[in-house]
């Protein structure tokens, strides 16, 4: 019985002696594979991110240009409307001032004429 156990232990040692370098070799190959894949993945990610950044920048520039164009048109329309209202208000104000000044001048002149008479 002891001979079978010894024989079995020797067989396991022999298998281990053959398998251990294979496992070590596989580990080294796995590490090399993972390093190569990581390097390729990193390069692919950087290229992908660069392309997305370029597209995003172009989209942002187009969006900003469109918004600037709309904002400029809205500002011009707003300013034109305000200028029109301001002109109308100025004209009404000036007309009222002229009317009051004319009435005051007429009253003053009438008072002076009365005082001279």
PDB file of N, CA and C in Angstrom:
ATOM      1  N   UNK A   1       0.837  -1.183   0.000  1.00  0.00           N
ATOM      2  CA  UNK A   1       0.000   0.000   0.000  1.00  0.00           C
ATOM      3  C   UNK A   1       0.880   1.244   0.000  1.00  0.00           C
ATOM      4  N   UNK A   2       1.960   1.136   0.770  1.00  0.00           N
ATOM      5  CA  UNK A   2       2.866   2.262   0.841  1.00  0.00           C
ATOM      6  C   UNK A   2       3.563   2.470  -0.500  1.00  0.00           C
ATOM      7  N   UNK A   3       3.786   1.462  -1.226  1.00  0.00           N
ATOM      8  CA  UNK A   3       4.434   1.559  -2.527  1.00  0.00           C
ATOM      9  C   UNK A   3       3.530   2.273  -3.513  1.00  0.00           C
ATOM     10  N   UNK A   4       2.221   1.988  -3.431  1.00  0.00           N
ATOM     11  CA  UNK A   4       1.281   2.667  -4.316  1.00  0.00           C
ATOM     12  C   UNK A   4       1.218   4.152  -3.982  1.00  0.00           C
ATOM     13  N   UNK A   5       1.236   4.461  -2.702  1.00  0.00           N
ATOM     14  CA  UNK A   5       1.177   5.860  -2.278  1.00  0.00           C
ATOM     15  C   UNK A   5       2.434   6.586  -2.720  1.00  0.00           C
ATOM     16  N   UNK A   6       3.567   5.951  -2.578  1.00  0.00           N
ATOM     17  CA  UNK A   6       4.825   6.561  -2.993  1.00  0.00           C
ATOM     18  C   UNK A   6       4.843   6.741  -4.497  1.00  0.00           C
ATOM     19  N   UNK A   7       4.389   5.729  -5.210  1.00  0.00           N
ATOM     20  CA  UNK A   7       4.329   5.804  -6.662  1.00  0.00           C
ATOM     21  C   UNK A   7       3.384   6.923  -7.103  1.00  0.00           C
ATOM     22  N   UNK A   8       2.254   7.036  -6.420  1.00  0.00           N
ATOM     23  CA  UNK A   8       1.282   8.088  -6.721  1.00  0.00           C
ATOM     24  C   UNK A   8       1.880   9.474  -6.454  1.00  0.00           C
ATOM     25  N   UNK A   9       2.608   9.614  -5.342  1.00  0.00           N
ATOM     26  CA  UNK A   9       3.247  10.886  -4.997  1.00  0.00           C
ATOM     27  C   UNK A   9       4.312  11.238  -6.020  1.00  0.00           C
ATOM     28  N   UNK A  10       5.070  10.258  -6.459  1.00  0.00           N
ATOM     29  CA  UNK A  10       6.091  10.508  -7.476  1.00  0.00           C
ATOM     30  C   UNK A  10       5.450  10.906  -8.809  1.00  0.00           C
ATOM     31  N   UNK A  11       4.341  10.290  -9.118  1.00  0.00           N
ATOM     32  CA  UNK A  11       3.625  10.632 -10.352  1.00  0.00           C
ATOM     33  C   UNK A  11       3.118  12.068 -10.289  1.00  0.00           C
ATOM     34  N   UNK A  12       2.588  12.451  -9.122  1.00  0.00           N
ATOM     35  CA  UNK A  12       2.125  13.828  -8.957  1.00  0.00           C
ATOM     36  C   UNK A  12       3.277  14.816  -9.068  1.00  0.00           C
ATOM     37  N   UNK A  13       4.402  14.477  -8.493  1.00  0.00           N
ATOM     38  CA  UNK A  13       5.581  15.348  -8.598  1.00  0.00           C
ATOM     39  C   UNK A  13       6.030  15.477 -10.049  1.00  0.00           C
ATOM     40  N   UNK A  14       5.993  14.401 -10.780  1.00  0.00           N
ATOM     41  CA  UNK A  14       6.394  14.437 -12.180  1.00  0.00           C
ATOM     42  C   UNK A  14       5.426  15.298 -12.991  1.00  0.00           C
ATOM     43  N   UNK A  15       4.154  15.127 -12.732  1.00  0.00           N
ATOM     44  CA  UNK A  15       3.150  15.940 -13.434  1.00  0.00           C
ATOM     45  C   UNK A  15       3.349  17.412 -13.086  1.00  0.00           C
ATOM     46  N   UNK A  16       3.578  17.686 -11.795  1.00  0.00           N
ATOM     47  CA  UNK A  16       3.795  19.060 -11.355  1.00  0.00           C
ATOM     48  C   UNK A  16       5.042  19.651 -11.971  1.00  0.00           C
ATOM     49  N   UNK A  17       6.084  18.836 -12.097  1.00  0.00           N
ATOM     50  CA  UNK A  17       7.334  19.324 -12.670  1.00  0.00           C
ATOM     51  C   UNK A  17       7.145  19.696 -14.138  1.00  0.00           C
ATOM     52  N   UNK A  18       6.282  18.965 -14.812  1.00  0.00           N
ATOM     53  CA  UNK A  18       6.005  19.277 -16.213  1.00  0.00           C
ATOM     54  C   UNK A  18       4.994  20.422 -16.315  1.00  0.00           C
ATOM     55  N   UNK A  19       3.985  20.406 -15.442  1.00  0.00           N
ATOM     56  CA  UNK A  19       2.897  21.383 -15.544  1.00  0.00           C
ATOM     57  C   UNK A  19       3.298  22.771 -15.047  1.00  0.00           C
ATOM     58  N   UNK A  20       4.160  22.841 -14.022  1.00  0.00           N
ATOM     59  CA  UNK A  20       4.509  24.127 -13.434  1.00  0.00           C
ATOM     60  C   UNK A  20       5.170  25.073 -14.442  1.00  0.00           C
ATOM     61  N   UNK A  21       6.131  24.632 -15.220  1.00  0.00           N
ATOM     62  CA  UNK A  21       6.683  25.547 -16.230  1.00  0.00           C
ATOM     63  C   UNK A  21       5.643  25.942 -17.278  1.00  0.00           C
ATOM     64  N   UNK A  22       4.739  25.027 -17.578  1.00  0.00           N
ATOM     65  CA  UNK A  22       3.677  25.344 -18.534  1.00  0.00           C
ATOM     66  C   UNK A  22       2.781  26.434 -17.961  1.00  0.00           C
ATOM     67  N   UNK A  23       2.458  26.298 -16.680  1.00  0.00           N
ATOM     68  CA  UNK A  23       1.619  27.310 -16.036  1.00  0.00           C
ATOM     69  C   UNK A  23       2.364  28.638 -15.988  1.00  0.00           C
ATOM     70  N   UNK A  24       3.648  28.585 -15.636  1.00  0.00           N
ATOM     71  CA  UNK A  24       4.439  29.822 -15.616  1.00  0.00           C
ATOM     72  C   UNK A  24       4.527  30.438 -17.005  1.00  0.00           C
ATOM     73  N   UNK A  25       4.709  29.588 -18.004  1.00  0.00           N
ATOM     74  CA  UNK A  25       4.762  30.088 -19.381  1.00  0.00           C
ATOM     75  C   UNK A  25       3.433  30.704 -19.792  1.00  0.00           C
ATOM     76  N   UNK A  26       2.350  30.058 -19.369  1.00  0.00           N
ATOM     77  CA  UNK A  26       1.029  30.587 -19.693  1.00  0.00           C
ATOM     78  C   UNK A  26       0.819  31.930 -18.988  1.00  0.00           C
ATOM     79  N   UNK A  27       1.289  32.023 -17.752  1.00  0.00           N
ATOM     80  CA  UNK A  27       1.158  33.276 -17.023  1.00  0.00           C
ATOM     81  C   UNK A  27       1.930  34.390 -17.730  1.00  0.00           C
ATOM     82  N   UNK A  28       3.134  34.087 -18.175  1.00  0.00           N
ATOM     83  CA  UNK A  28       3.932  35.082 -18.894  1.00  0.00           C
ATOM     84  C   UNK A  28       3.247  35.447 -20.210  1.00  0.00           C
ATOM     85  N   UNK A  29       2.707  34.454 -20.894  1.00  0.00           N
ATOM     86  CA  UNK A  29       2.010  34.726 -22.158  1.00  0.00           C
ATOM     87  C   UNK A  29       0.757  35.560 -21.901  1.00  0.00           C
ATOM     88  N   UNK A  30       0.040  35.245 -20.814  1.00  0.00           N
ATOM     89  CA  UNK A  30      -1.143  36.032 -20.464  1.00  0.00           C
ATOM     90  C   UNK A  30      -0.763  37.479 -20.157  1.00  0.00           C
ATOM     91  N   UNK A  31       0.317  37.653 -19.425  1.00  0.00           N
ATOM     92  CA  UNK A  31       0.758  39.010 -19.108  1.00  0.00           C
ATOM     93  C   UNK A  31       1.145  39.776 -20.377  1.00  0.00           C
ATOM     94  N   UNK A  32       1.843  39.112 -21.278  1.00  0.00           N
ATOM     95  CA  UNK A  32       2.217  39.761 -22.542  1.00  0.00           C
ATOM     96  C   UNK A  32       0.960  40.090 -23.361  1.00  0.00           C
ATOM     97  N   UNK A  33       0.030  39.143 -23.412  1.00  0.00           N
ATOM     98  CA  UNK A  33      -1.233  39.366 -24.129  1.00  0.00           C
ATOM     99  C   UNK A  33      -2.001  40.544 -23.527  1.00  0.00           C
ATOM    100  N   UNK A  34      -2.126  40.550 -22.210  1.00  0.00           N
ATOM    101  CA  UNK A  34      -2.856  41.624 -21.549  1.00  0.00           C
ATOM    102  C   UNK A  34      -2.179  42.973 -21.762  1.00  0.00           C
ATOM    103  N   UNK A  35      -0.856  42.993 -21.733  1.00  0.00           N
ATOM    104  CA  UNK A  35      -0.134  44.247 -21.978  1.00  0.00           C
ATOM    105  C   UNK A  35      -0.383  44.739 -23.401  1.00  0.00           C
ATOM    106  N   UNK A  36      -0.335  43.818 -24.377  1.00  0.00           N
ATOM    107  CA  UNK A  36      -0.575  44.203 -25.770  1.00  0.00           C
ATOM    108  C   UNK A  36      -2.013  44.695 -25.960  1.00  0.00           C
ATOM    109  N   UNK A  37      -2.959  43.985 -25.364  1.00  0.00           N
ATOM    110  CA  UNK A  37      -4.369  44.371 -25.488  1.00  0.00           C
ATOM    111  C   UNK A  37      -4.601  45.726 -24.813  1.00  0.00           C
ATOM    112  N   UNK A  38      -4.004  45.922 -23.646  1.00  0.00           N
ATOM    113  CA  UNK A  38      -4.148  47.200 -22.936  1.00  0.00           C
ATOM    114  C   UNK A  38      -3.575  48.330 -23.773  1.00  0.00           C
ATOM    115  N   UNK A  39      -2.431  48.093 -24.386  1.00  0.00           N
ATOM    116  CA  UNK A  39      -1.807  49.123 -25.230  1.00  0.00           C
ATOM    117  C   UNK A  39      -2.709  49.444 -26.432  1.00  0.00           C
ATOM    118  N   UNK A  40      -3.239  48.400 -27.084  1.00  0.00           N
ATOM    119  CA  UNK A  40      -4.127  48.628 -28.221  1.00  0.00           C
ATOM    120  C   UNK A  40      -5.410  49.319 -27.771  1.00  0.00           C
ATOM    121  N   UNK A  41      -5.945  48.900 -26.633  1.00  0.00           N
ATOM    122  CA  UNK A  41      -7.189  49.480 -26.138  1.00  0.00           C
ATOM    123  C   UNK A  41      -6.989  50.953 -25.790  1.00  0.00           C
ATOM    124  N   UNK A  42      -5.840  51.245 -25.172  1.00  0.00           N
ATOM    125  CA  UNK A  42      -5.537  52.629 -24.821  1.00  0.00           C
ATOM    126  C   UNK A  42      -5.423  53.478 -26.084  1.00  0.00           C
ATOM    127  N   UNK A  43      -4.733  52.969 -27.088  1.00  0.00           N
ATOM    128  CA  UNK A  43      -4.596  53.703 -28.345  1.00  0.00           C
ATOM    129  C   UNK A  43      -5.956  53.885 -29.009  1.00  0.00           C
ATOM    130  N   UNK A  44      -6.776  52.835 -28.988  1.00  0.00           N
ATOM    131  CA  UNK A  44      -8.109  52.930 -29.589  1.00  0.00           C
ATOM    132  C   UNK A  44      -8.977  53.922 -28.818  1.00  0.00           C
ATOM    133  N   UNK A  45      -8.903  53.884 -27.494  1.00  0.00           N
ATOM    134  CA  UNK A  45      -9.672  54.829 -26.679  1.00  0.00           C
ATOM    135  C   UNK A  45      -9.237  56.268 -26.946  1.00  0.00           C
ATOM    136  N   UNK A  46      -7.927  56.477 -27.052  1.00  0.00           N
ATOM    137  CA  UNK A  46      -7.435  57.836 -27.319  1.00  0.00           C
ATOM    138  C   UNK A  46      -7.892  58.322 -28.689  1.00  0.00           C
ATOM    139  N   UNK A  47      -7.849  57.447 -29.688  1.00  0.00           N
ATOM    140  CA  UNK A  47      -8.313  57.825 -31.025  1.00  0.00           C
ATOM    141  C   UNK A  47      -9.816  58.113 -31.010  1.00  0.00           C
ATOM    142  N   UNK A  48     -10.570  57.265 -30.322  1.00  0.00           N
ATOM    143  CA  UNK A  48     -12.018  57.456 -30.204  1.00  0.00           C
ATOM    144  C   UNK A  48     -12.324  58.778 -29.524  1.00  0.00           C
ATOM    145  N   UNK A  49     -11.657  59.037 -28.400  1.00  0.00           N
ATOM    146  CA  UNK A  49     -11.896  60.280 -27.664  1.00  0.00           C
ATOM    147  C   UNK A  49     -11.491  61.498 -28.485  1.00  0.00           C
ATOM    148  N   UNK A  50     -10.405  61.393 -29.232  1.00  0.00           N
ATOM    149  CA  UNK A  50      -9.977  62.509 -30.079  1.00  0.00           C
ATOM    150  C   UNK A  50     -11.027  62.784 -31.163  1.00  0.00           C
ATOM    151  N   UNK A  51     -11.549  61.713 -31.768  1.00  0.00           N
ATOM    152  CA  UNK A  51     -12.575  61.885 -32.801  1.00  0.00           C
ATOM    153  C   UNK A  51     -13.846  62.489 -32.203  1.00  0.00           C
ATOM    154  N   UNK A  52     -14.242  62.007 -31.024  1.00  0.00           N
ATOM    155  CA  UNK A  52     -15.432  62.561 -30.382  1.00  0.00           C
ATOM    156  C   UNK A  52     -15.234  64.018 -30.000  1.00  0.00           C
ATOM    157  N   UNK A  53     -14.035  64.339 -29.516  1.00  0.00           N
ATOM    158  CA  UNK A  53     -13.745  65.724 -29.150  1.00  0.00           C
ATOM    159  C   UNK A  53     -13.799  66.614 -30.380  1.00  0.00           C
ATOM    160  N   UNK A  54     -13.264  66.128 -31.486  1.00  0.00           N
ATOM    161  CA  UNK A  54     -13.291  66.900 -32.731  1.00  0.00           C
ATOM    162  C   UNK A  54     -14.734  67.115 -33.198  1.00  0.00           C
ATOM    163  N   UNK A  55     -15.537  66.047 -33.163  1.00  0.00           N
ATOM    164  CA  UNK A  55     -16.943  66.175 -33.563  1.00  0.00           C
ATOM    165  C   UNK A  55     -17.693  67.089 -32.608  1.00  0.00           C
ATOM    166  N   UNK A  56     -17.436  66.953 -31.309  1.00  0.00           N
ATOM    167  CA  UNK A  56     -18.122  67.775 -30.319  1.00  0.00           C
ATOM    168  C   UNK A  56     -17.758  69.240 -30.500  1.00  0.00           C
ATOM    169  N   UNK A  57     -16.479  69.496 -30.772  1.00  0.00           N
ATOM    170  CA  UNK A  57     -16.029  70.872 -30.993  1.00  0.00           C
ATOM    171  C   UNK A  57     -16.715  71.463 -32.221  1.00  0.00           C
ATOM    172  N   UNK A  58     -16.774  70.687 -33.296  1.00  0.00           N
ATOM    173  CA  UNK A  58     -17.442  71.162 -34.512  1.00  0.00           C
ATOM    174  C   UNK A  58     -18.921  71.410 -34.247  1.00  0.00           C
ATOM    175  N   UNK A  59     -19.564  70.494 -33.525  1.00  0.00           N
ATOM    176  CA  UNK A  59     -20.990  70.671 -33.207  1.00  0.00           C
ATOM    177  C   UNK A  59     -21.197  71.888 -32.316  1.00  0.00           C
ATOM    178  N   UNK A  60     -20.315  72.065 -31.321  1.00  0.00           N
ATOM    179  CA  UNK A  60     -20.422  73.229 -30.441  1.00  0.00           C
ATOM    180  C   UNK A  60     -20.242  74.527 -31.219  1.00  0.00           C
ATOM    181  N   UNK A  61     -19.284  74.551 -32.134  1.00  0.00           N
ATOM    182  CA  UNK A  61     -19.057  75.759 -32.938  1.00  0.00           C
ATOM    183  C   UNK A  61     -20.265  76.066 -33.819  1.00  0.00           C
ATOM    184  N   UNK A  62     -20.838  75.026 -34.433  1.00  0.00           N
ATOM    185  CA  UNK A  62     -22.031  75.232 -35.268  1.00  0.00           C
ATOM    186  C   UNK A  62     -23.202  75.712 -34.409  1.00  0.00           C
ATOM    187  N   UNK A  63     -23.371  75.099 -33.256  1.00  0.00           N
ATOM    188  CA  UNK A  63     -24.452  75.493 -32.346  1.00  0.00           C
ATOM    189  C   UNK A  63     -24.272  76.943 -31.904  1.00  0.00           C
ATOM    190  N   UNK A  64     -23.066  77.284 -31.501  1.00  0.00           N
ATOM    191  CA  UNK A  64     -22.797  78.651 -31.048  1.00  0.00           C
ATOM    192  C   UNK A  64     -22.987  79.664 -32.167  1.00  0.00           C
ATOM    193  N   UNK A  65     -22.588  79.297 -33.388  1.00  0.00           N
ATOM    194  CA  UNK A  65     -22.778  80.195 -34.521  1.00  0.00           C
ATOM    195  C   UNK A  65     -24.269  80.426 -34.780  1.00  0.00           C
ATOM    196  N   UNK A  66     -25.048  79.339 -34.726  1.00  0.00           N
ATOM    197  CA  UNK A  66     -26.498  79.472 -34.939  1.00  0.00           C
ATOM    198  C   UNK A  66     -27.133  80.314 -33.838  1.00  0.00           C
ATOM    199  N   UNK A  67     -26.727  80.074 -32.598  1.00  0.00           N
ATOM    200  CA  UNK A  67     -27.276  80.864 -31.491  1.00  0.00           C
ATOM    201  C   UNK A  67     -26.877  82.329 -31.606  1.00  0.00           C
ATOM    202  N   UNK A  68     -25.644  82.585 -32.011  1.00  0.00           N
ATOM    203  CA  UNK A  68     -25.185  83.965 -32.161  1.00  0.00           C
ATOM    204  C   UNK A  68     -25.980  84.656 -33.261  1.00  0.00           C
ATOM    205  N   UNK A  69     -26.226  83.937 -34.348  1.00  0.00           N
ATOM    206  CA  UNK A  69     -27.010  84.503 -35.454  1.00  0.00           C
ATOM    207  C   UNK A  69     -28.434  84.828 -34.991  1.00  0.00           C
ATOM    208  N   UNK A  70     -29.062  83.881 -34.277  1.00  0.00           N
ATOM    209  CA  UNK A  70     -30.418  84.124 -33.772  1.00  0.00           C
ATOM    210  C   UNK A  70     -30.416  85.256 -32.757  1.00  0.00           C
ATOM    211  N   UNK A  71     -29.426  85.279 -31.875  1.00  0.00           N
ATOM    212  CA  UNK A  71     -29.363  86.317 -30.852  1.00  0.00           C
ATOM    213  C   UNK A  71     -29.161  87.685 -31.491  1.00  0.00           C
ATOM    214  N   UNK A  72     -28.308  87.730 -32.514  1.00  0.00           N
ATOM    215  CA  UNK A  72     -28.078  88.998 -33.207  1.00  0.00           C
ATOM    216  C   UNK A  72     -29.358  89.488 -33.860  1.00  0.00           C
ATOM    217  N   UNK A  73     -30.081  88.584 -34.537  1.00  0.00           N
ATOM    218  CA  UNK A  73     -31.346  88.968 -35.174  1.00  0.00           C
ATOM    219  C   UNK A  73     -32.354  89.440 -34.125  1.00  0.00           C
ATOM    220  N   UNK A  74     -32.424  88.718 -33.004  1.00  0.00           N
ATOM    221  CA  UNK A  74     -33.359  89.114 -31.942  1.00  0.00           C
ATOM    222  C   UNK A  74     -32.955  90.465 -31.351  1.00  0.00           C
ATOM    223  N   UNK A  75     -31.655  90.660 -31.136  1.00  0.00           N
ATOM    224  CA  UNK A  75     -31.173  91.943 -30.593  1.00  0.00           C
ATOM    225  C   UNK A  75     -31.479  93.091 -31.548  1.00  0.00           C
ATOM    226  N   UNK A  76     -31.271  92.854 -32.836  1.00  0.00           N
ATOM    227  CA  UNK A  76     -31.541  93.907 -33.817  1.00  0.00           C
ATOM    228  C   UNK A  76     -33.039  94.244 -33.850  1.00  0.00           C
ATOM    229  N   UNK A  77     -33.882  93.215 -33.803  1.00  0.00           N
ATOM    230  CA  UNK A  77     -35.332  93.459 -33.791  1.00  0.00           C
ATOM    231  C   UNK A  77     -35.734  94.198 -32.509  1.00  0.00           C
ATOM    232  N   UNK A  78     -35.186  93.772 -31.377  1.00  0.00           N
ATOM    233  CA  UNK A  78     -35.481  94.412 -30.098  1.00  0.00           C
ATOM    234  C   UNK A  78     -35.046  95.872 -30.113  1.00  0.00           C
ATOM    235  N   UNK A  79     -33.820  96.108 -30.587  1.00  0.00           N
ATOM    236  CA  UNK A  79     -33.296  97.476 -30.630  1.00  0.00           C
ATOM    237  C   UNK A  79     -34.103  98.348 -31.587  1.00  0.00           C
ATOM    238  N   UNK A  80     -34.526  97.787 -32.712  1.00  0.00           N
ATOM    239  CA  UNK A  80     -35.342  98.556 -33.655  1.00  0.00           C
ATOM    240  C   UNK A  80     -36.677  98.929 -33.016  1.00  0.00           C
ATOM    241  N   UNK A  81     -37.288  97.968 -32.318  1.00  0.00           N
ATOM    242  CA  UNK A  81     -38.571  98.256 -31.659  1.00  0.00           C
ATOM    243  C   UNK A  81     -38.386  99.310 -30.568  1.00  0.00           C
ATOM    244  N   UNK A  82     -37.314  99.191 -29.789  1.00  0.00           N
ATOM    245  CA  UNK A  82     -37.060 100.178 -28.734  1.00  0.00           C
ATOM    246  C   UNK A  82     -36.768 101.554 -29.321  1.00  0.00           C
ATOM    247  N   UNK A  83     -36.022 101.587 -30.416  1.00  0.00           N
ATOM    248  CA  UNK A  83     -35.724 102.873 -31.055  1.00  0.00           C
ATOM    249  C   UNK A  83     -36.996 103.521 -31.561  1.00  0.00           C
ATOM    250  N   UNK A  84     -37.867 102.702 -32.154  1.00  0.00           N
ATOM    251  CA  UNK A  84     -39.145 103.220 -32.653  1.00  0.00           C
ATOM    252  C   UNK A  84     -39.988 103.767 -31.495  1.00  0.00           C
ATOM    253  N   UNK A  85     -40.082 102.995 -30.400  1.00  0.00           N
ATOM    254  CA  UNK A  85     -40.854 103.468 -29.244  1.00  0.00           C
ATOM    255  C   UNK A  85     -40.213 104.714 -28.645  1.00  0.00           C
ATOM    256  N   UNK A  86     -38.888 104.723 -28.557  1.00  0.00           N
ATOM    257  CA  UNK A  86     -38.200 105.879 -27.973  1.00  0.00           C
ATOM    258  C   UNK A  86     -38.410 107.109 -28.843  1.00  0.00           C
ATOM    259  N   UNK A  87     -38.365 106.931 -30.154  1.00  0.00           N
ATOM    260  CA  UNK A  87     -38.593 108.064 -31.060  1.00  0.00           C
ATOM    261  C   UNK A  87     -40.006 108.600 -30.891  1.00  0.00           C
ATOM    262  N   UNK A  88     -40.985 107.712 -30.820  1.00  0.00           N
ATOM    263  CA  UNK A  88     -42.371 108.141 -30.637  1.00  0.00           C
ATOM    264  C   UNK A  88     -42.530 108.856 -29.293  1.00  0.00           C
ATOM    265  N   UNK A  89     -41.902 108.312 -28.243  1.00  0.00           N
ATOM    266  CA  UNK A  89     -41.984 108.952 -26.922  1.00  0.00           C
ATOM    267  C   UNK A  89     -41.289 110.314 -26.937  1.00  0.00           C
ATOM    268  N   UNK A  90     -40.129 110.386 -27.601  1.00  0.00           N
ATOM    269  CA  UNK A  90     -39.411 111.665 -27.686  1.00  0.00           C
ATOM    270  C   UNK A  90     -40.236 112.708 -28.442  1.00  0.00           C
ATOM    271  N   UNK A  91     -40.854 112.268 -29.535  1.00  0.00           N
ATOM    272  CA  UNK A  91     -41.676 113.194 -30.317  1.00  0.00           C
ATOM    273  C   UNK A  91     -42.870 113.686 -29.508  1.00  0.00           C
ATOM    274  N   UNK A  92     -43.524 112.778 -28.780  1.00  0.00           N
ATOM    275  CA  UNK A  92     -44.660 113.173 -27.947  1.00  0.00           C
ATOM    276  C   UNK A  92     -44.188 114.122 -26.830  1.00  0.00           C
ATOM    277  N   UNK A  93     -43.056 113.806 -26.206  1.00  0.00           N
ATOM    278  CA  UNK A  93     -42.498 114.650 -25.149  1.00  0.00           C
ATOM    279  C   UNK A  93     -42.159 116.031 -25.682  1.00  0.00           C
ATOM    280  N   UNK A  94     -41.482 116.052 -26.827  1.00  0.00           N
ATOM    281  CA  UNK A  94     -41.101 117.337 -27.418  1.00  0.00           C
ATOM    282  C   UNK A  94     -42.335 118.147 -27.819  1.00  0.00           C
ATOM    283  N   UNK A  95     -43.357 117.487 -28.367  1.00  0.00           N
ATOM    284  CA  UNK A  95     -44.588 118.188 -28.744  1.00  0.00           C
ATOM    285  C   UNK A  95     -45.251 118.785 -27.504  1.00  0.00           C
ATOM    286  N   UNK A  96     -45.294 118.014 -26.413  1.00  0.00           N
ATOM    287  CA  UNK A  96     -45.901 118.519 -25.175  1.00  0.00           C
ATOM    288  C   UNK A  96     -45.096 119.699 -24.633  1.00  0.00           C
ATOM    289  N   UNK A  97     -43.769 119.596 -24.680  1.00  0.00           N
ATOM    290  CA  UNK A  97     -42.928 120.704 -24.201  1.00  0.00           C
ATOM    291  C   UNK A  97     -43.107 121.948 -25.061  1.00  0.00           C
ATOM    292  N   UNK A  98     -43.199 121.767 -26.368  1.00  0.00           N
ATOM    293  CA  UNK A  98     -43.396 122.908 -27.266  1.00  0.00           C
ATOM    294  C   UNK A  98     -44.747 123.562 -26.981  1.00  0.00           C
ATOM    295  N   UNK A  99     -45.763 122.682 -26.774  1.00  0.00           N
ATOM    296  CA  UNK A  99     -47.095 123.211 -26.482  1.00  0.00           C
ATOM    297  C   UNK A  99     -47.072 124.005 -25.171  1.00  0.00           C
ATOM    298  N   UNK A 100     -46.456 123.443 -24.126  1.00  0.00           N
ATOM    299  CA  UNK A 100     -46.383 124.153 -22.842  1.00  0.00           C
ATOM    300  C   UNK A 100     -45.552 125.429 -22.983  1.00  0.00           C
ATOM    301  N   UNK A 101     -44.448 125.361 -23.694  1.00  0.00           N
ATOM    302  CA  UNK A 101     -43.584 126.533 -23.865  1.00  0.00           C
ATOM    303  C   UNK A 101     -44.321 127.623 -24.639  1.00  0.00           C
ATOM    304  N   UNK A 102     -45.057 127.196 -25.673  1.00  0.00           N
ATOM    305  CA  UNK A 102     -45.836 128.161 -26.454  1.00  0.00           C
ATOM    306  C   UNK A 102     -46.893 128.818 -25.579  1.00  0.00           C
ATOM    307  N   UNK A 103     -47.602 128.024 -24.789  1.00  0.00           N
ATOM    308  CA  UNK A 103     -48.621 128.577 -23.887  1.00  0.00           C
ATOM    309  C   UNK A 103     -47.976 129.519 -22.872  1.00  0.00           C
ATOM    310  N   UNK A 104     -46.834 129.133 -22.326  1.00  0.00           N
ATOM    311  CA  UNK A 104     -46.138 129.981 -21.353  1.00  0.00           C
ATOM    312  C   UNK A 104     -45.667 131.273 -22.022  1.00  0.00           C
ATOM    313  N   UNK A 105     -45.123 131.153 -23.228  1.00  0.00           N
ATOM    314  CA  UNK A 105     -44.672 132.346 -23.956  1.00  0.00           C
ATOM    315  C   UNK A 105     -45.843 133.281 -24.246  1.00  0.00           C
ATOM    316  N   UNK A 106     -46.946 132.703 -24.676  1.00  0.00           N
ATOM    317  CA  UNK A 106     -48.127 133.525 -24.977  1.00  0.00           C
ATOM    318  C   UNK A 106     -48.632 134.224 -23.707  1.00  0.00           C
ATOM    319  N   UNK A 107     -48.656 133.485 -22.592  1.00  0.00           N
ATOM    320  CA  UNK A 107     -49.099 134.089 -21.334  1.00  0.00           C
ATOM    321  C   UNK A 107     -48.121 135.188 -20.910  1.00  0.00           C
ATOM    322  N   UNK A 108     -46.841 134.929 -21.037  1.00  0.00           N
ATOM    323  CA  UNK A 108     -45.816 135.924 -20.688  1.00  0.00           C
ATOM    324  C   UNK A 108     -45.945 137.168 -21.560  1.00  0.00           C
ATOM    325  N   UNK A 109     -46.067 136.921 -22.856  1.00  0.00           N
ATOM    326  CA  UNK A 109     -46.198 138.053 -23.779  1.00  0.00           C
ATOM    327  C   UNK A 109     -47.489 138.838 -23.512  1.00  0.00           C
ATOM    328  N   UNK A 110     -48.565 138.121 -23.208  1.00  0.00           N
ATOM    329  CA  UNK A 110     -49.828 138.795 -22.891  1.00  0.00           C
ATOM    330  C   UNK A 110     -49.667 139.630 -21.624  1.00  0.00           C
ATOM    331  N   UNK A 111     -48.982 139.074 -20.617  1.00  0.00           N
ATOM    332  CA  UNK A 111     -48.769 139.817 -19.376  1.00  0.00           C
ATOM    333  C   UNK A 111     -47.896 141.039 -19.635  1.00  0.00           C
ATOM    334  N   UNK A 112     -46.866 140.891 -20.447  1.00  0.00           N
ATOM    335  CA  UNK A 112     -45.999 142.031 -20.762  1.00  0.00           C
ATOM    336  C   UNK A 112     -46.756 143.096 -21.552  1.00  0.00           C
ATOM    337  N   UNK A 113     -47.573 142.640 -22.488  1.00  0.00           N
ATOM    338  CA  UNK A 113     -48.349 143.595 -23.270  1.00  0.00           C
ATOM    339  C   UNK A 113     -49.313 144.346 -22.368  1.00  0.00           C
ATOM    340  N   UNK A 114     -49.937 143.612 -21.437  1.00  0.00           N
ATOM    341  CA  UNK A 114     -50.859 144.247 -20.500  1.00  0.00           C
ATOM    342  C   UNK A 114     -50.122 145.232 -19.586  1.00  0.00           C
ATOM    343  N   UNK A 115     -48.950 144.865 -19.144  1.00  0.00           N
ATOM    344  CA  UNK A 115     -48.168 145.746 -18.276  1.00  0.00           C
ATOM    345  C   UNK A 115     -47.734 147.007 -19.040  1.00  0.00           C
ATOM    346  N   UNK A 116     -47.439 146.915 -20.303  1.00  0.00           N
ATOM    347  CA  UNK A 116     -46.995 148.049 -21.112  1.00  0.00           C
ATOM    348  C   UNK A 116     -48.153 148.966 -21.437  1.00  0.00           C
ATOM    349  N   UNK A 117     -49.333 148.360 -21.511  1.00  0.00           N
ATOM    350  CA  UNK A 117     -50.482 149.169 -21.928  1.00  0.00           C
ATOM    351  C   UNK A 117     -50.980 150.108 -20.872  1.00  0.00           C
TER     352      UNK A 117
END
